[in-house]
Amino acid sequence: MTQPPAAINYFAKDRVLEITWAAGQVARLSTRKLRGSCGCAACVDERTGQRILDVDAVAEDIDIVSMHPVGNYALHITWSDGHDSGFFSWEHLRRLTAEGDR
């Protein structure tokens, strides 16, 4: 199990979520990349695993309205497009930060 981040900061002006991991590694993810990677049932078909969300349709100016930790394993984000059913596990965020902001 991935340890929770040491810090999570949102820079609304840049639309960037900055995650500082316990070892001091800092990663920055655009809100568009993060929203496009949501793995909830509204974004990914539960049976096939195919992405339902059209990532190209995610607005460039998508914003985080609010966020809070879920237990000791994930981050819940409410988005400016009204979406709020996805949890971003620490493992998922770690994978995204390892990929970089592509």
PDB file of N, CA and C in Angstrom:
ATOM      1  N   MET A   1       0.845  -1.193   0.000  1.00  0.00           N
ATOM      2  CA  MET A   1       0.000   0.000   0.000  1.00  0.00           C
ATOM      3  C   MET A   1       0.879   1.241   0.000  1.00  0.00           C
ATOM      4  N   THR A   2       0.575   2.156  -0.888  1.00  0.00           N
ATOM      5  CA  THR A   2       1.325   3.407  -0.999  1.00  0.00           C
ATOM      6  C   THR A   2       1.010   4.305   0.189  1.00  0.00           C
ATOM      7  N   GLN A   3       2.047   4.886   0.745  1.00  0.00           N
ATOM      8  CA  GLN A   3       1.882   5.822   1.846  1.00  0.00           C
ATOM      9  C   GLN A   3       1.217   7.102   1.341  1.00  0.00           C
ATOM     10  N   PRO A   4       0.435   7.752   2.191  1.00  0.00           N
ATOM     11  CA  PRO A   4      -0.184   9.016   1.775  1.00  0.00           C
ATOM     12  C   PRO A   4       0.880  10.073   1.496  1.00  0.00           C
ATOM     13  N   PRO A   5       0.535  11.045   0.666  1.00  0.00           N
ATOM     14  CA  PRO A   5       1.473  12.147   0.410  1.00  0.00           C
ATOM     15  C   PRO A   5       1.750  12.934   1.685  1.00  0.00           C
ATOM     16  N   ALA A   6       2.907  13.555   1.719  1.00  0.00           N
ATOM     17  CA  ALA A   6       3.251  14.425   2.841  1.00  0.00           C
ATOM     18  C   ALA A   6       2.464  15.729   2.752  1.00  0.00           C
ATOM     19  N   ALA A   7       2.178  16.155   1.514  1.00  0.00           N
ATOM     20  CA  ALA A   7       1.424  17.394   1.309  1.00  0.00           C
ATOM     21  C   ALA A   7       0.752  17.369  -0.064  1.00  0.00           C
ATOM     22  N   ILE A   8      -0.411  18.009  -0.134  1.00  0.00           N
ATOM     23  CA  ILE A   8      -1.120  18.187  -1.394  1.00  0.00           C
ATOM     24  C   ILE A   8      -1.542  19.643  -1.458  1.00  0.00           C
ATOM     25  N   ASN A   9      -1.164  20.316  -2.527  1.00  0.00           N
ATOM     26  CA  ASN A   9      -1.514  21.724  -2.701  1.00  0.00           C
ATOM     27  C   ASN A   9      -2.130  21.929  -4.069  1.00  0.00           C
ATOM     28  N   TYR A  10      -3.145  22.767  -4.120  1.00  0.00           N
ATOM     29  CA  TYR A  10      -3.772  23.086  -5.391  1.00  0.00           C
ATOM     30  C   TYR A  10      -3.491  24.534  -5.737  1.00  0.00           C
ATOM     31  N   PHE A  11      -2.959  24.752  -6.939  1.00  0.00           N
ATOM     32  CA  PHE A  11      -2.666  26.091  -7.431  1.00  0.00           C
ATOM     33  C   PHE A  11      -3.698  26.416  -8.510  1.00  0.00           C
ATOM     34  N   ALA A  12      -4.773  27.079  -8.097  1.00  0.00           N
ATOM     35  CA  ALA A  12      -5.911  27.332  -8.978  1.00  0.00           C
ATOM     36  C   ALA A  12      -5.522  28.166 -10.200  1.00  0.00           C
ATOM     37  N   LYS A  13      -4.651  29.132 -10.011  1.00  0.00           N
ATOM     38  CA  LYS A  13      -4.268  29.993 -11.127  1.00  0.00           C
ATOM     39  C   LYS A  13      -3.646  29.172 -12.263  1.00  0.00           C
ATOM     40  N   ASP A  14      -2.823  28.192 -11.899  1.00  0.00           N
ATOM     41  CA  ASP A  14      -2.138  27.348 -12.881  1.00  0.00           C
ATOM     42  C   ASP A  14      -2.909  26.067 -13.191  1.00  0.00           C
ATOM     43  N   ARG A  15      -3.977  25.812 -12.413  1.00  0.00           N
ATOM     44  CA  ARG A  15      -4.744  24.561 -12.530  1.00  0.00           C
ATOM     45  C   ARG A  15      -3.822  23.349 -12.402  1.00  0.00           C
ATOM     46  N   VAL A  16      -3.064  23.353 -11.313  1.00  0.00           N
ATOM     47  CA  VAL A  16      -2.086  22.299 -11.058  1.00  0.00           C
ATOM     48  C   VAL A  16      -2.243  21.791  -9.628  1.00  0.00           C
ATOM     49  N   LEU A  17      -2.268  20.458  -9.504  1.00  0.00           N
ATOM     50  CA  LEU A  17      -2.255  19.821  -8.198  1.00  0.00           C
ATOM     51  C   LEU A  17      -0.819  19.382  -7.939  1.00  0.00           C
ATOM     52  N   GLU A  18      -0.258  19.866  -6.851  1.00  0.00           N
ATOM     53  CA  GLU A  18       1.114  19.516  -6.497  1.00  0.00           C
ATOM     54  C   GLU A  18       1.080  18.517  -5.353  1.00  0.00           C
ATOM     55  N   ILE A  19       1.775  17.405  -5.563  1.00  0.00           N
ATOM     56  CA  ILE A  19       1.805  16.338  -4.566  1.00  0.00           C
ATOM     57  C   ILE A  19       3.246  16.156  -4.112  1.00  0.00           C
ATOM     58  N   THR A  20       3.453  16.245  -2.805  1.00  0.00           N
ATOM     59  CA  THR A  20       4.765  15.982  -2.227  1.00  0.00           C
ATOM     60  C   THR A  20       4.683  14.646  -1.515  1.00  0.00           C
ATOM     61  N   TRP A  21       5.466  13.684  -1.998  1.00  0.00           N
ATOM     62  CA  TRP A  21       5.478  12.352  -1.399  1.00  0.00           C
ATOM     63  C   TRP A  21       6.423  12.337  -0.213  1.00  0.00           C
ATOM     64  N   ALA A  22       6.288  11.350   0.635  1.00  0.00           N
ATOM     65  CA  ALA A  22       7.041  11.270   1.896  1.00  0.00           C
ATOM     66  C   ALA A  22       8.550  11.375   1.685  1.00  0.00           C
ATOM     67  N   ALA A  23       9.070  10.831   0.602  1.00  0.00           N
ATOM     68  CA  ALA A  23      10.514  10.868   0.338  1.00  0.00           C
ATOM     69  C   ALA A  23      10.967  12.227  -0.190  1.00  0.00           C
ATOM     70  N   GLY A  24      10.041  13.173  -0.265  1.00  0.00           N
ATOM     71  CA  GLY A  24      10.388  14.516  -0.715  1.00  0.00           C
ATOM     72  C   GLY A  24      10.218  14.742  -2.207  1.00  0.00           C
ATOM     73  N   GLN A  25       9.798  13.714  -2.937  1.00  0.00           N
ATOM     74  CA  GLN A  25       9.558  13.898  -4.373  1.00  0.00           C
ATOM     75  C   GLN A  25       8.326  14.776  -4.547  1.00  0.00           C
ATOM     76  N   VAL A  26       8.434  15.722  -5.444  1.00  0.00           N
ATOM     77  CA  VAL A  26       7.326  16.629  -5.730  1.00  0.00           C
ATOM     78  C   VAL A  26       6.876  16.403  -7.167  1.00  0.00           C
ATOM     79  N   ALA A  27       5.585  16.220  -7.350  1.00  0.00           N
ATOM     80  CA  ALA A  27       5.023  16.026  -8.685  1.00  0.00           C
ATOM     81  C   ALA A  27       3.902  17.034  -8.880  1.00  0.00           C
ATOM     82  N   ARG A  28       3.755  17.471 -10.118  1.00  0.00           N
ATOM     83  CA  ARG A  28       2.705  18.428 -10.461  1.00  0.00           C
ATOM     84  C   ARG A  28       1.864  17.836 -11.580  1.00  0.00           C
ATOM     85  N   LEU A  29       0.556  17.800 -11.363  1.00  0.00           N
ATOM     86  CA  LEU A  29      -0.383  17.262 -12.349  1.00  0.00           C
ATOM     87  C   LEU A  29      -1.384  18.329 -12.744  1.00  0.00           C
ATOM     88  N   SER A  30      -1.613  18.460 -14.041  1.00  0.00           N
ATOM     89  CA  SER A  30      -2.631  19.403 -14.492  1.00  0.00           C
ATOM     90  C   SER A  30      -4.007  18.859 -14.107  1.00  0.00           C
ATOM     91  N   THR A  31      -4.928  19.751 -13.865  1.00  0.00           N
ATOM     92  CA  THR A  31      -6.278  19.316 -13.508  1.00  0.00           C
ATOM     93  C   THR A  31      -6.907  18.546 -14.665  1.00  0.00           C
ATOM     94  N   ARG A  32      -6.583  18.913 -15.874  1.00  0.00           N
ATOM     95  CA  ARG A  32      -7.154  18.214 -17.041  1.00  0.00           C
ATOM     96  C   ARG A  32      -6.691  16.761 -17.079  1.00  0.00           C
ATOM     97  N   LYS A  33      -5.405  16.524 -16.859  1.00  0.00           N
ATOM     98  CA  LYS A  33      -4.885  15.152 -16.827  1.00  0.00           C
ATOM     99  C   LYS A  33      -5.533  14.378 -15.684  1.00  0.00           C
ATOM    100  N   LEU A  34      -5.626  15.003 -14.537  1.00  0.00           N
ATOM    101  CA  LEU A  34      -6.195  14.338 -13.372  1.00  0.00           C
ATOM    102  C   LEU A  34      -7.664  13.986 -13.594  1.00  0.00           C
ATOM    103  N   ARG A  35      -8.450  14.941 -14.085  1.00  0.00           N
ATOM    104  CA  ARG A  35      -9.876  14.684 -14.350  1.00  0.00           C
ATOM    105  C   ARG A  35     -10.035  13.595 -15.405  1.00  0.00           C
ATOM    106  N   GLY A  36      -9.181  13.605 -16.406  1.00  0.00           N
ATOM    107  CA  GLY A  36      -9.244  12.611 -17.466  1.00  0.00           C
ATOM    108  C   GLY A  36      -8.857  11.217 -17.024  1.00  0.00           C
ATOM    109  N   SER A  37      -8.229  11.101 -15.869  1.00  0.00           N
ATOM    110  CA  SER A  37      -7.792   9.795 -15.378  1.00  0.00           C
ATOM    111  C   SER A  37      -8.721   9.215 -14.310  1.00  0.00           C
ATOM    112  N   CYS A  38      -9.858   9.850 -14.093  1.00  0.00           N
ATOM    113  CA  CYS A  38     -10.800   9.361 -13.085  1.00  0.00           C
ATOM    114  C   CYS A  38     -11.206   7.930 -13.437  1.00  0.00           C
ATOM    115  N   GLY A  39     -11.210   7.070 -12.450  1.00  0.00           N
ATOM    116  CA  GLY A  39     -11.529   5.662 -12.676  1.00  0.00           C
ATOM    117  C   GLY A  39     -12.875   5.234 -12.135  1.00  0.00           C
ATOM    118  N   CYS A  40     -13.757   6.176 -11.835  1.00  0.00           N
ATOM    119  CA  CYS A  40     -15.061   5.815 -11.278  1.00  0.00           C
ATOM    120  C   CYS A  40     -15.948   5.169 -12.349  1.00  0.00           C
ATOM    121  N   ALA A  41     -17.062   4.605 -11.923  1.00  0.00           N
ATOM    122  CA  ALA A  41     -17.980   3.904 -12.832  1.00  0.00           C
ATOM    123  C   ALA A  41     -18.601   4.829 -13.880  1.00  0.00           C
ATOM    124  N   ALA A  42     -18.651   6.126 -13.616  1.00  0.00           N
ATOM    125  CA  ALA A  42     -19.180   7.060 -14.611  1.00  0.00           C
ATOM    126  C   ALA A  42     -18.145   7.363 -15.701  1.00  0.00           C
ATOM    127  N   CYS A  43     -16.876   7.073 -15.400  1.00  0.00           N
ATOM    128  CA  CYS A  43     -15.796   7.382 -16.346  1.00  0.00           C
ATOM    129  C   CYS A  43     -15.192   6.138 -17.000  1.00  0.00           C
ATOM    130  N   VAL A  44     -15.324   4.994 -16.341  1.00  0.00           N
ATOM    131  CA  VAL A  44     -14.774   3.741 -16.856  1.00  0.00           C
ATOM    132  C   VAL A  44     -15.825   2.650 -16.678  1.00  0.00           C
ATOM    133  N   ASP A  45     -16.109   1.908 -17.764  1.00  0.00           N
ATOM    134  CA  ASP A  45     -17.085   0.820 -17.699  1.00  0.00           C
ATOM    135  C   ASP A  45     -16.598  -0.245 -16.720  1.00  0.00           C
ATOM    136  N   GLU A  46     -17.434  -0.567 -15.728  1.00  0.00           N
ATOM    137  CA  GLU A  46     -17.045  -1.508 -14.687  1.00  0.00           C
ATOM    138  C   GLU A  46     -16.820  -2.925 -15.211  1.00  0.00           C
ATOM    139  N   ARG A  47     -17.547  -3.303 -16.252  1.00  0.00           N
ATOM    140  CA  ARG A  47     -17.409  -4.671 -16.773  1.00  0.00           C
ATOM    141  C   ARG A  47     -16.243  -4.813 -17.738  1.00  0.00           C
ATOM    142  N   THR A  48     -16.080  -3.849 -18.631  1.00  0.00           N
ATOM    143  CA  THR A  48     -15.058  -3.984 -19.675  1.00  0.00           C
ATOM    144  C   THR A  48     -13.753  -3.276 -19.340  1.00  0.00           C
ATOM    145  N   GLY A  49     -13.818  -2.313 -18.428  1.00  0.00           N
ATOM    146  CA  GLY A  49     -12.633  -1.523 -18.112  1.00  0.00           C
ATOM    147  C   GLY A  49     -12.332  -0.441 -19.142  1.00  0.00           C
ATOM    148  N   GLN A  50     -13.227  -0.306 -20.130  1.00  0.00           N
ATOM    149  CA  GLN A  50     -13.028   0.724 -21.163  1.00  0.00           C
ATOM    150  C   GLN A  50     -13.433   2.096 -20.650  1.00  0.00           C
ATOM    151  N   ARG A  51     -12.653   3.084 -21.037  1.00  0.00           N
ATOM    152  CA  ARG A  51     -12.936   4.465 -20.634  1.00  0.00           C
ATOM    153  C   ARG A  51     -14.195   4.953 -21.329  1.00  0.00           C
ATOM    154  N   ILE A  52     -15.142   5.458 -20.539  1.00  0.00           N
ATOM    155  CA  ILE A  52     -16.382   6.047 -21.043  1.00  0.00           C
ATOM    156  C   ILE A  52     -16.178   7.543 -21.275  1.00  0.00           C
ATOM    157  N   LEU A  53     -15.469   8.160 -20.356  1.00  0.00           N
ATOM    158  CA  LEU A  53     -15.198   9.593 -20.440  1.00  0.00           C
ATOM    159  C   LEU A  53     -14.340   9.888 -21.664  1.00  0.00           C
ATOM    160  N   ASP A  54     -14.779  10.818 -22.481  1.00  0.00           N
ATOM    161  CA  ASP A  54     -13.991  11.275 -23.619  1.00  0.00           C
ATOM    162  C   ASP A  54     -12.973  12.283 -23.080  1.00  0.00           C
ATOM    163  N   VAL A  55     -11.760  11.828 -22.926  1.00  0.00           N
ATOM    164  CA  VAL A  55     -10.715  12.661 -22.324  1.00  0.00           C
ATOM    165  C   VAL A  55     -10.505  13.947 -23.112  1.00  0.00           C
ATOM    166  N   ASP A  56     -10.648  13.877 -24.429  1.00  0.00           N
ATOM    167  CA  ASP A  56     -10.478  15.078 -25.253  1.00  0.00           C
ATOM    168  C   ASP A  56     -11.571  16.112 -24.999  1.00  0.00           C
ATOM    169  N   ALA A  57     -12.688  15.671 -24.430  1.00  0.00           N
ATOM    170  CA  ALA A  57     -13.793  16.583 -24.147  1.00  0.00           C
ATOM    171  C   ALA A  57     -13.650  17.281 -22.795  1.00  0.00           C
ATOM    172  N   VAL A  58     -12.668  16.873 -22.006  1.00  0.00           N
ATOM    173  CA  VAL A  58     -12.442  17.532 -20.706  1.00  0.00           C
ATOM    174  C   VAL A  58     -11.934  18.942 -20.988  1.00  0.00           C
ATOM    175  N   ALA A  59     -12.612  19.912 -20.438  1.00  0.00           N
ATOM    176  CA  ALA A  59     -12.270  21.320 -20.686  1.00  0.00           C
ATOM    177  C   ALA A  59     -10.856  21.644 -20.203  1.00  0.00           C
ATOM    178  N   GLU A  60     -10.162  22.461 -20.968  1.00  0.00           N
ATOM    179  CA  GLU A  60      -8.816  22.914 -20.588  1.00  0.00           C
ATOM    180  C   GLU A  60      -8.841  23.655 -19.244  1.00  0.00           C
ATOM    181  N   ASP A  61      -9.967  24.313 -18.977  1.00  0.00           N
ATOM    182  CA  ASP A  61     -10.059  25.122 -17.754  1.00  0.00           C
ATOM    183  C   ASP A  61     -10.779  24.402 -16.615  1.00  0.00           C
ATOM    184  N   ILE A  62     -10.779  23.061 -16.645  1.00  0.00           N
ATOM    185  CA  ILE A  62     -11.412  22.299 -15.557  1.00  0.00           C
ATOM    186  C   ILE A  62     -10.726  22.682 -14.240  1.00  0.00           C
ATOM    187  N   ASP A  63     -11.520  22.837 -13.214  1.00  0.00           N
ATOM    188  CA  ASP A  63     -11.027  23.326 -11.939  1.00  0.00           C
ATOM    189  C   ASP A  63     -11.425  22.387 -10.812  1.00  0.00           C
ATOM    190  N   ILE A  64     -10.636  22.370  -9.765  1.00  0.00           N
ATOM    191  CA  ILE A  64     -10.990  21.649  -8.548  1.00  0.00           C
ATOM    192  C   ILE A  64     -11.805  22.594  -7.679  1.00  0.00           C
ATOM    193  N   VAL A  65     -13.015  22.172  -7.327  1.00  0.00           N
ATOM    194  CA  VAL A  65     -13.883  22.977  -6.463  1.00  0.00           C
ATOM    195  C   VAL A  65     -13.561  22.690  -5.006  1.00  0.00           C
ATOM    196  N   SER A  66     -13.379  21.393  -4.688  1.00  0.00           N
ATOM    197  CA  SER A  66     -12.996  21.003  -3.334  1.00  0.00           C
ATOM    198  C   SER A  66     -12.323  19.636  -3.389  1.00  0.00           C
ATOM    199  N   MET A  67     -11.583  19.329  -2.337  1.00  0.00           N
ATOM    200  CA  MET A  67     -10.946  18.019  -2.218  1.00  0.00           C
ATOM    201  C   MET A  67     -10.724  17.716  -0.750  1.00  0.00           C
ATOM    202  N   HIS A  68     -10.762  16.427  -0.437  1.00  0.00           N
ATOM    203  CA  HIS A  68     -10.484  15.998   0.927  1.00  0.00           C
ATOM    204  C   HIS A  68     -10.037  14.536   0.926  1.00  0.00           C
ATOM    205  N   PRO A  69      -9.234  14.161   1.917  1.00  0.00           N
ATOM    206  CA  PRO A  69      -8.782  12.771   1.983  1.00  0.00           C
ATOM    207  C   PRO A  69      -9.949  11.850   2.329  1.00  0.00           C
ATOM    208  N   VAL A  70      -9.853  10.622   1.820  1.00  0.00           N
ATOM    209  CA  VAL A  70     -10.820   9.577   2.150  1.00  0.00           C
ATOM    210  C   VAL A  70     -10.036   8.530   2.928  1.00  0.00           C
ATOM    211  N   GLY A  71     -10.306   8.459   4.219  1.00  0.00           N
ATOM    212  CA  GLY A  71      -9.540   7.550   5.059  1.00  0.00           C
ATOM    213  C   GLY A  71      -8.055   7.827   4.899  1.00  0.00           C
ATOM    214  N   ASN A  72      -7.291   6.746   4.835  1.00  0.00           N
ATOM    215  CA  ASN A  72      -5.848   6.871   4.675  1.00  0.00           C
ATOM    216  C   ASN A  72      -5.415   6.289   3.333  1.00  0.00           C
ATOM    217  N   TYR A  73      -6.331   6.335   2.334  1.00  0.00           N
ATOM    218  CA  TYR A  73      -6.007   5.666   1.081  1.00  0.00           C
ATOM    219  C   TYR A  73      -6.298   6.458  -0.191  1.00  0.00           C
ATOM    220  N   ALA A  74      -7.020   7.581  -0.105  1.00  0.00           N
ATOM    221  CA  ALA A  74      -7.421   8.245  -1.349  1.00  0.00           C
ATOM    222  C   ALA A  74      -7.745   9.719  -1.130  1.00  0.00           C
ATOM    223  N   LEU A  75      -7.936  10.376  -2.274  1.00  0.00           N
ATOM    224  CA  LEU A  75      -8.341  11.782  -2.300  1.00  0.00           C
ATOM    225  C   LEU A  75      -9.654  11.867  -3.070  1.00  0.00           C
ATOM    226  N   HIS A  76     -10.624  12.542  -2.498  1.00  0.00           N
ATOM    227  CA  HIS A  76     -11.897  12.778  -3.181  1.00  0.00           C
ATOM    228  C   HIS A  76     -11.865  14.198  -3.728  1.00  0.00           C
ATOM    229  N   ILE A  77     -12.227  14.334  -5.012  1.00  0.00           N
ATOM    230  CA  ILE A  77     -12.207  15.651  -5.654  1.00  0.00           C
ATOM    231  C   ILE A  77     -13.580  15.953  -6.238  1.00  0.00           C
ATOM    232  N   THR A  78     -14.039  17.166  -6.012  1.00  0.00           N
ATOM    233  CA  THR A  78     -15.229  17.684  -6.683  1.00  0.00           C
ATOM    234  C   THR A  78     -14.737  18.657  -7.747  1.00  0.00           C
ATOM    235  N   TRP A  79     -15.232  18.451  -8.988  1.00  0.00           N
ATOM    236  CA  TRP A  79     -14.758  19.197 -10.141  1.00  0.00           C
ATOM    237  C   TRP A  79     -15.744  20.289 -10.562  1.00  0.00           C
ATOM    238  N   SER A  80     -15.234  21.268 -11.278  1.00  0.00           N
ATOM    239  CA  SER A  80     -16.069  22.376 -11.748  1.00  0.00           C
ATOM    240  C   SER A  80     -17.090  21.936 -12.793  1.00  0.00           C
ATOM    241  N   ASP A  81     -16.926  20.756 -13.387  1.00  0.00           N
ATOM    242  CA  ASP A  81     -17.931  20.251 -14.329  1.00  0.00           C
ATOM    243  C   ASP A  81     -19.041  19.477 -13.620  1.00  0.00           C
ATOM    244  N   GLY A  82     -19.011  19.477 -12.277  1.00  0.00           N
ATOM    245  CA  GLY A  82     -20.044  18.829 -11.479  1.00  0.00           C
ATOM    246  C   GLY A  82     -19.722  17.391 -11.102  1.00  0.00           C
ATOM    247  N   HIS A  83     -18.675  16.820 -11.671  1.00  0.00           N
ATOM    248  CA  HIS A  83     -18.316  15.433 -11.375  1.00  0.00           C
ATOM    249  C   HIS A  83     -17.741  15.344  -9.967  1.00  0.00           C
ATOM    250  N   ASP A  84     -18.210  14.341  -9.208  1.00  0.00           N
ATOM    251  CA  ASP A  84     -17.674  14.203  -7.850  1.00  0.00           C
ATOM    252  C   ASP A  84     -17.740  12.770  -7.327  1.00  0.00           C
ATOM    253  N   SER A  85     -17.785  11.802  -8.231  1.00  0.00           N
ATOM    254  CA  SER A  85     -17.934  10.422  -7.756  1.00  0.00           C
ATOM    255  C   SER A  85     -16.632   9.628  -7.745  1.00  0.00           C
ATOM    256  N   GLY A  86     -15.536  10.221  -8.143  1.00  0.00           N
ATOM    257  CA  GLY A  86     -14.285   9.473  -8.198  1.00  0.00           C
ATOM    258  C   GLY A  86     -13.401   9.689  -6.992  1.00  0.00           C
ATOM    259  N   PHE A  87     -12.735   8.614  -6.600  1.00  0.00           N
ATOM    260  CA  PHE A  87     -11.685   8.683  -5.587  1.00  0.00           C
ATOM    261  C   PHE A  87     -10.363   8.434  -6.297  1.00  0.00           C
ATOM    262  N   PHE A  88      -9.348   9.161  -5.920  1.00  0.00           N
ATOM    263  CA  PHE A  88      -8.024   8.989  -6.487  1.00  0.00           C
ATOM    264  C   PHE A  88      -7.144   8.384  -5.395  1.00  0.00           C
ATOM    265  N   SER A  89      -6.938   7.068  -5.499  1.00  0.00           N
ATOM    266  CA  SER A  89      -6.141   6.379  -4.475  1.00  0.00           C
ATOM    267  C   SER A  89      -4.708   6.897  -4.523  1.00  0.00           C
ATOM    268  N   TRP A  90      -4.001   6.714  -3.413  1.00  0.00           N
ATOM    269  CA  TRP A  90      -2.602   7.131  -3.389  1.00  0.00           C
ATOM    270  C   TRP A  90      -1.823   6.370  -4.467  1.00  0.00           C
ATOM    271  N   GLU A  91      -2.164   5.078  -4.671  1.00  0.00           N
ATOM    272  CA  GLU A  91      -1.480   4.285  -5.705  1.00  0.00           C
ATOM    273  C   GLU A  91      -1.707   4.895  -7.096  1.00  0.00           C
ATOM    274  N   HIS A  92      -2.958   5.277  -7.365  1.00  0.00           N
ATOM    275  CA  HIS A  92      -3.290   5.869  -8.662  1.00  0.00           C
ATOM    276  C   HIS A  92      -2.546   7.193  -8.852  1.00  0.00           C
ATOM    277  N   LEU A  93      -2.534   8.024  -7.834  1.00  0.00           N
ATOM    278  CA  LEU A  93      -1.827   9.305  -7.915  1.00  0.00           C
ATOM    279  C   LEU A  93      -0.323   9.082  -8.092  1.00  0.00           C
ATOM    280  N   ARG A  94       0.207   8.078  -7.438  1.00  0.00           N
ATOM    281  CA  ARG A  94       1.638   7.763  -7.570  1.00  0.00           C
ATOM    282  C   ARG A  94       1.952   7.350  -9.021  1.00  0.00           C
ATOM    283  N   ARG A  95       1.083   6.520  -9.605  1.00  0.00           N
ATOM    284  CA  ARG A  95       1.277   6.116 -11.012  1.00  0.00           C
ATOM    285  C   ARG A  95       1.227   7.331 -11.935  1.00  0.00           C
ATOM    286  N   LEU A  96       0.235   8.195 -11.719  1.00  0.00           N
ATOM    287  CA  LEU A  96       0.110   9.392 -12.550  1.00  0.00           C
ATOM    288  C   LEU A  96       1.337  10.300 -12.430  1.00  0.00           C
ATOM    289  N   THR A  97       1.839  10.449 -11.222  1.00  0.00           N
ATOM    290  CA  THR A  97       2.997  11.325 -11.036  1.00  0.00           C
ATOM    291  C   THR A  97       4.254  10.689 -11.638  1.00  0.00           C
ATOM    292  N   ALA A  98       4.318   9.358 -11.662  1.00  0.00           N
ATOM    293  CA  ALA A  98       5.464   8.672 -12.275  1.00  0.00           C
ATOM    294  C   ALA A  98       5.429   8.855 -13.796  1.00  0.00           C
ATOM    295  N   GLU A  99       4.225   8.924 -14.366  1.00  0.00           N
ATOM    296  CA  GLU A  99       4.071   9.125 -15.814  1.00  0.00           C
ATOM    297  C   GLU A  99       4.445  10.544 -16.224  1.00  0.00           C
ATOM    298  N   GLY A 100       4.308  11.471 -15.323  1.00  0.00           N
ATOM    299  CA  GLY A 100       4.510  12.881 -15.667  1.00  0.00           C
ATOM    300  C   GLY A 100       3.212  13.454 -16.196  1.00  0.00           C
ATOM    301  N   ASP A 101       3.236  14.695 -16.562  1.00  0.00           N
ATOM    302  CA  ASP A 101       2.013  15.379 -16.992  1.00  0.00           C
ATOM    303  C   ASP A 101       1.878  15.354 -18.508  1.00  0.00           C
ATOM    304  N   ARG A 102       1.710  14.156 -19.071  1.00  0.00           N
ATOM    305  CA  ARG A 102       1.517  14.014 -20.514  1.00  0.00           C
ATOM    306  C   ARG A 102       0.072  14.019 -20.858  1.00  0.00           C
TER     307      ARG A 102
END
